[in-house]
N, C-alpha and C. Protein backbone atom coordinates (compact mmCIF):
# COMPACT_ATOMS: atom_id res chain seq x y z
N UNK A 1 0.85 -1.18 0.00
CA UNK A 1 0.00 0.00 0.00
C UNK A 1 0.89 1.24 0.00
N UNK A 2 0.70 2.16 -0.93
CA UNK A 2 1.50 3.39 -0.94
C UNK A 2 1.26 4.21 0.32
N UNK A 3 2.25 4.96 0.68
CA UNK A 3 2.17 5.82 1.86
C UNK A 3 2.40 7.25 1.41
N UNK A 4 1.57 8.17 1.86
CA UNK A 4 1.77 9.59 1.57
C UNK A 4 2.55 10.19 2.72
N UNK A 5 3.67 10.81 2.42
CA UNK A 5 4.50 11.42 3.45
C UNK A 5 5.49 12.37 2.82
N UNK A 6 6.17 13.12 3.66
CA UNK A 6 7.24 13.99 3.20
C UNK A 6 8.54 13.21 3.25
N UNK A 7 9.26 13.20 2.15
CA UNK A 7 10.55 12.51 2.08
C UNK A 7 11.66 13.54 2.21
N UNK A 8 12.63 13.23 3.03
CA UNK A 8 13.75 14.15 3.24
C UNK A 8 14.77 13.98 2.09
N UNK A 9 15.22 15.07 1.50
CA UNK A 9 16.19 14.97 0.40
C UNK A 9 17.43 14.16 0.75
N UNK A 10 17.86 14.20 2.02
CA UNK A 10 19.08 13.47 2.39
C UNK A 10 18.89 11.96 2.35
N UNK A 11 17.64 11.48 2.28
CA UNK A 11 17.40 10.04 2.21
C UNK A 11 17.39 9.52 0.78
N UNK A 12 17.45 10.42 -0.20
CA UNK A 12 17.42 10.02 -1.61
C UNK A 12 18.83 9.75 -2.10
N UNK A 13 18.97 8.75 -2.95
CA UNK A 13 20.31 8.41 -3.45
C UNK A 13 20.29 7.94 -4.89
N UNK A 14 19.45 8.60 -5.69
CA UNK A 14 19.45 8.33 -7.13
C UNK A 14 19.06 9.61 -7.86
N UNK A 15 19.24 9.55 -9.17
CA UNK A 15 18.74 10.64 -10.00
C UNK A 15 17.21 10.58 -9.99
N UNK A 16 16.58 11.68 -10.35
CA UNK A 16 15.13 11.63 -10.53
C UNK A 16 14.85 11.23 -11.97
N UNK A 17 13.63 10.80 -12.21
CA UNK A 17 13.29 10.32 -13.55
C UNK A 17 11.82 10.60 -13.82
N UNK A 18 11.54 11.42 -14.82
CA UNK A 18 10.16 11.63 -15.23
C UNK A 18 9.67 10.43 -16.01
N UNK A 19 8.44 10.03 -15.79
CA UNK A 19 7.94 8.89 -16.55
C UNK A 19 6.58 9.13 -17.20
N UNK A 20 5.99 10.31 -16.99
CA UNK A 20 4.71 10.59 -17.66
C UNK A 20 4.49 12.10 -17.68
N UNK A 21 4.10 12.62 -18.83
CA UNK A 21 3.69 14.02 -18.96
C UNK A 21 2.20 14.01 -19.21
N UNK A 22 1.47 14.75 -18.40
CA UNK A 22 0.01 14.82 -18.54
C UNK A 22 -0.37 16.28 -18.72
N UNK A 23 -1.06 16.58 -19.79
CA UNK A 23 -1.58 17.92 -20.01
C UNK A 23 -2.94 17.98 -19.33
N UNK A 24 -3.03 18.67 -18.20
CA UNK A 24 -4.28 18.67 -17.42
C UNK A 24 -5.41 19.42 -18.13
N UNK A 25 -5.08 20.14 -19.19
CA UNK A 25 -6.13 20.82 -19.96
C UNK A 25 -6.82 19.89 -20.95
N UNK A 26 -6.14 18.81 -21.35
CA UNK A 26 -6.69 17.96 -22.41
C UNK A 26 -6.78 16.48 -22.04
N UNK A 27 -6.27 16.08 -20.89
CA UNK A 27 -6.23 14.66 -20.55
C UNK A 27 -7.63 14.07 -20.41
N UNK A 28 -7.78 12.83 -20.85
CA UNK A 28 -9.03 12.10 -20.68
C UNK A 28 -8.88 11.14 -19.50
N UNK A 29 -10.00 10.68 -18.97
CA UNK A 29 -9.99 9.72 -17.86
C UNK A 29 -9.19 8.47 -18.26
N UNK A 30 -9.39 8.01 -19.48
CA UNK A 30 -8.71 6.79 -19.94
C UNK A 30 -7.20 6.94 -19.96
N UNK A 31 -6.72 8.15 -20.23
CA UNK A 31 -5.28 8.38 -20.30
C UNK A 31 -4.61 8.36 -18.93
N UNK A 32 -5.41 8.37 -17.86
CA UNK A 32 -4.84 8.35 -16.51
C UNK A 32 -4.51 6.94 -16.04
N UNK A 33 -4.88 5.95 -16.84
CA UNK A 33 -4.43 4.57 -16.59
C UNK A 33 -3.33 4.29 -17.60
N UNK A 34 -2.12 4.00 -17.10
CA UNK A 34 -0.98 3.82 -17.99
C UNK A 34 0.11 3.04 -17.28
N UNK A 35 1.04 2.56 -18.06
CA UNK A 35 2.28 1.99 -17.50
C UNK A 35 3.43 2.71 -18.18
N UNK A 36 4.54 2.77 -17.48
CA UNK A 36 5.70 3.48 -18.01
C UNK A 36 6.97 2.90 -17.40
N UNK A 37 7.99 2.78 -18.20
CA UNK A 37 9.27 2.30 -17.69
C UNK A 37 10.07 3.48 -17.14
N UNK A 38 11.02 3.17 -16.27
CA UNK A 38 11.87 4.21 -15.69
C UNK A 38 13.27 3.66 -15.48
N UNK A 39 14.23 4.57 -15.35
CA UNK A 39 15.62 4.24 -15.04
C UNK A 39 16.13 5.22 -14.00
N UNK A 40 16.75 4.71 -12.96
CA UNK A 40 17.33 5.55 -11.91
C UNK A 40 18.82 5.28 -11.82
N UNK A 41 19.61 6.33 -11.86
CA UNK A 41 21.06 6.21 -11.71
C UNK A 41 21.38 6.36 -10.21
N UNK A 42 21.95 5.33 -9.62
CA UNK A 42 22.23 5.31 -8.19
C UNK A 42 23.49 6.13 -7.90
N UNK A 43 23.40 7.00 -6.89
CA UNK A 43 24.52 7.89 -6.56
C UNK A 43 25.28 7.48 -5.29
N UNK A 44 24.65 6.65 -4.44
CA UNK A 44 25.29 6.20 -3.20
C UNK A 44 24.98 4.72 -2.97
N UNK A 45 25.90 4.02 -2.37
CA UNK A 45 25.69 2.60 -2.07
C UNK A 45 24.92 2.47 -0.76
N UNK A 46 23.78 1.78 -0.83
CA UNK A 46 22.97 1.51 0.36
C UNK A 46 21.78 0.65 -0.03
N UNK A 47 21.03 0.16 0.93
CA UNK A 47 19.86 -0.66 0.61
C UNK A 47 18.74 0.19 0.01
N UNK A 48 18.15 -0.30 -1.06
CA UNK A 48 17.00 0.36 -1.69
C UNK A 48 15.74 -0.27 -1.11
N UNK A 49 14.94 0.52 -0.41
CA UNK A 49 13.75 -0.02 0.26
C UNK A 49 12.45 0.53 -0.31
N UNK A 50 12.51 1.63 -1.07
CA UNK A 50 11.28 2.26 -1.56
C UNK A 50 11.58 3.15 -2.76
N UNK A 51 10.53 3.48 -3.47
CA UNK A 51 10.58 4.47 -4.54
C UNK A 51 9.69 5.64 -4.13
N UNK A 52 10.11 6.84 -4.45
CA UNK A 52 9.36 8.04 -4.08
C UNK A 52 8.82 8.67 -5.36
N UNK A 53 7.50 8.87 -5.39
CA UNK A 53 6.84 9.50 -6.53
C UNK A 53 6.37 10.89 -6.15
N UNK A 54 6.48 11.81 -7.10
CA UNK A 54 5.99 13.17 -6.89
C UNK A 54 5.64 13.76 -8.24
N UNK A 55 5.04 14.94 -8.23
CA UNK A 55 4.69 15.58 -9.50
C UNK A 55 5.01 17.06 -9.45
N UNK A 56 5.11 17.62 -10.63
CA UNK A 56 5.28 19.06 -10.79
C UNK A 56 4.22 19.53 -11.79
N UNK A 57 3.57 20.64 -11.49
CA UNK A 57 2.58 21.24 -12.40
C UNK A 57 3.09 22.60 -12.82
N UNK A 58 2.98 22.86 -14.10
CA UNK A 58 3.42 24.14 -14.65
C UNK A 58 2.20 24.90 -15.15
N UNK A 59 1.99 26.07 -14.62
CA UNK A 59 0.87 26.92 -15.00
C UNK A 59 1.42 28.14 -15.73
N UNK A 60 1.14 28.21 -17.03
CA UNK A 60 1.63 29.32 -17.83
C UNK A 60 0.51 30.34 -18.02
N UNK A 61 0.86 31.58 -17.90
CA UNK A 61 -0.09 32.67 -18.08
C UNK A 61 0.68 33.97 -18.03
N UNK A 62 0.03 35.03 -17.59
CA UNK A 62 0.72 36.30 -17.44
C UNK A 62 1.91 36.14 -16.50
N UNK A 63 1.70 35.31 -15.47
CA UNK A 63 2.76 34.95 -14.53
C UNK A 63 2.84 33.43 -14.51
N UNK A 64 4.00 32.87 -14.76
CA UNK A 64 4.16 31.42 -14.73
C UNK A 64 4.37 30.96 -13.29
N UNK A 65 3.70 29.88 -12.94
CA UNK A 65 3.78 29.33 -11.59
C UNK A 65 4.08 27.85 -11.70
N UNK A 66 4.93 27.35 -10.80
CA UNK A 66 5.25 25.93 -10.75
C UNK A 66 4.86 25.40 -9.39
N UNK A 67 4.05 24.34 -9.38
CA UNK A 67 3.74 23.60 -8.16
C UNK A 67 4.65 22.38 -8.18
N UNK A 68 5.64 22.36 -7.33
CA UNK A 68 6.64 21.29 -7.30
C UNK A 68 6.49 20.54 -5.98
N UNK A 69 6.17 19.26 -6.07
CA UNK A 69 5.98 18.45 -4.86
C UNK A 69 7.18 17.54 -4.59
N UNK A 70 8.30 17.81 -5.24
CA UNK A 70 9.49 16.96 -5.06
C UNK A 70 10.05 17.11 -3.64
N UNK A 71 10.80 16.12 -3.19
CA UNK A 71 11.43 16.22 -1.86
C UNK A 71 12.37 17.42 -1.73
N UNK A 72 12.91 17.90 -2.85
CA UNK A 72 13.82 19.04 -2.81
C UNK A 72 13.09 20.37 -2.72
N UNK A 73 11.78 20.38 -2.94
CA UNK A 73 11.03 21.63 -2.92
C UNK A 73 10.61 21.99 -1.50
N UNK A 74 10.09 23.18 -1.35
CA UNK A 74 9.58 23.62 -0.05
C UNK A 74 8.41 22.72 0.35
N UNK A 75 8.40 22.25 1.58
CA UNK A 75 7.36 21.36 2.05
C UNK A 75 6.02 22.10 2.16
N UNK A 76 4.98 21.48 1.62
CA UNK A 76 3.62 22.01 1.71
C UNK A 76 2.70 20.88 2.14
N UNK A 77 1.41 21.07 1.96
CA UNK A 77 0.47 20.00 2.27
C UNK A 77 0.46 18.92 1.19
N UNK A 78 1.15 19.14 0.08
CA UNK A 78 1.30 18.13 -0.96
C UNK A 78 2.46 17.22 -0.55
N UNK A 79 2.20 15.96 -0.44
CA UNK A 79 3.22 15.01 -0.02
C UNK A 79 3.73 14.21 -1.22
N UNK A 80 4.75 13.42 -0.99
CA UNK A 80 5.20 12.46 -1.98
C UNK A 80 4.49 11.13 -1.70
N UNK A 81 4.46 10.29 -2.71
CA UNK A 81 3.94 8.94 -2.53
C UNK A 81 5.13 8.01 -2.42
N UNK A 82 5.18 7.23 -1.35
CA UNK A 82 6.29 6.30 -1.12
C UNK A 82 5.79 4.89 -1.41
N UNK A 83 6.46 4.22 -2.35
CA UNK A 83 6.13 2.83 -2.69
C UNK A 83 7.20 1.94 -2.10
N UNK A 84 6.87 1.25 -1.03
CA UNK A 84 7.84 0.36 -0.39
C UNK A 84 7.98 -0.92 -1.18
N UNK A 85 9.21 -1.39 -1.33
CA UNK A 85 9.48 -2.62 -2.05
C UNK A 85 9.23 -3.82 -1.15
N UNK A 86 8.80 -4.93 -1.74
CA UNK A 86 8.60 -6.16 -0.96
C UNK A 86 9.93 -6.66 -0.40
N UNK A 87 10.96 -6.56 -1.21
CA UNK A 87 12.29 -7.03 -0.81
C UNK A 87 13.28 -5.88 -0.90
N UNK A 88 14.20 -5.83 0.04
CA UNK A 88 15.26 -4.84 0.01
C UNK A 88 16.26 -5.22 -1.09
N UNK A 89 16.70 -4.23 -1.85
CA UNK A 89 17.66 -4.45 -2.93
C UNK A 89 18.93 -3.68 -2.59
N UNK A 90 20.05 -4.37 -2.53
CA UNK A 90 21.34 -3.72 -2.28
C UNK A 90 21.81 -3.09 -3.59
N UNK A 91 22.06 -1.79 -3.57
CA UNK A 91 22.54 -1.10 -4.77
C UNK A 91 23.85 -0.39 -4.45
N UNK A 92 24.60 -0.15 -5.49
CA UNK A 92 25.90 0.53 -5.34
C UNK A 92 25.93 1.77 -6.23
N UNK A 93 26.72 2.74 -5.83
CA UNK A 93 26.90 3.95 -6.64
C UNK A 93 27.29 3.54 -8.05
N UNK A 94 26.64 4.12 -9.04
CA UNK A 94 26.91 3.80 -10.43
C UNK A 94 25.95 2.78 -11.02
N UNK A 95 25.19 2.08 -10.16
CA UNK A 95 24.20 1.12 -10.66
C UNK A 95 23.08 1.84 -11.40
N UNK A 96 22.43 1.11 -12.28
CA UNK A 96 21.26 1.60 -12.99
C UNK A 96 20.09 0.70 -12.60
N UNK A 97 19.09 1.26 -11.97
CA UNK A 97 17.90 0.51 -11.58
C UNK A 97 16.83 0.78 -12.62
N UNK A 98 16.31 -0.30 -13.21
CA UNK A 98 15.26 -0.18 -14.22
C UNK A 98 13.99 -0.82 -13.68
N UNK A 99 12.86 -0.26 -14.06
CA UNK A 99 11.60 -0.82 -13.63
C UNK A 99 10.45 -0.27 -14.44
N UNK A 100 9.26 -0.65 -14.03
CA UNK A 100 8.05 -0.18 -14.68
C UNK A 100 7.00 0.09 -13.62
N UNK A 101 6.29 1.19 -13.78
CA UNK A 101 5.17 1.52 -12.89
C UNK A 101 3.89 1.41 -13.71
N UNK A 102 2.84 1.02 -13.01
CA UNK A 102 1.53 0.92 -13.66
C UNK A 102 0.51 1.65 -12.80
N UNK A 103 -0.23 2.55 -13.42
CA UNK A 103 -1.27 3.30 -12.73
C UNK A 103 -2.61 2.83 -13.26
N UNK A 104 -3.42 2.30 -12.35
CA UNK A 104 -4.75 1.83 -12.71
C UNK A 104 -5.76 2.36 -11.69
N UNK A 105 -6.98 2.46 -12.12
CA UNK A 105 -8.05 2.92 -11.26
C UNK A 105 -8.25 1.93 -10.11
N UNK A 106 -8.37 2.46 -8.92
CA UNK A 106 -8.57 1.62 -7.74
C UNK A 106 -9.95 0.97 -7.78
N UNK A 107 -10.01 -0.27 -7.31
CA UNK A 107 -11.30 -0.95 -7.20
C UNK A 107 -12.01 -0.55 -5.90
N UNK A 108 -11.29 0.16 -5.01
CA UNK A 108 -11.85 0.61 -3.74
C UNK A 108 -12.46 2.00 -3.98
N UNK A 109 -13.69 2.14 -3.60
CA UNK A 109 -14.36 3.44 -3.79
C UNK A 109 -14.60 4.08 -2.45
């Protein structure tokens, strides 16, 4: 089960990786169910226990505004989603972690 929480930047040890661009002005409900592959470049050797998901929204207009929910941004009421792994994976600096995420509509209403 994903956990919503604030992740501290000092606990992160990989590059970030975008895996989906959604235009909130034109997206359809069907487009919100998707799978996408990702690659993370590991920067420090340590056990990998979870993946942290976040989003950024860009609002263009007379004044451009960015809503950034990344761990490196100023903490707000928007949290990151933490996906804990079933098994701990030992990784080393320089490793490349590859995977795939799948977003589907919850059966829980």
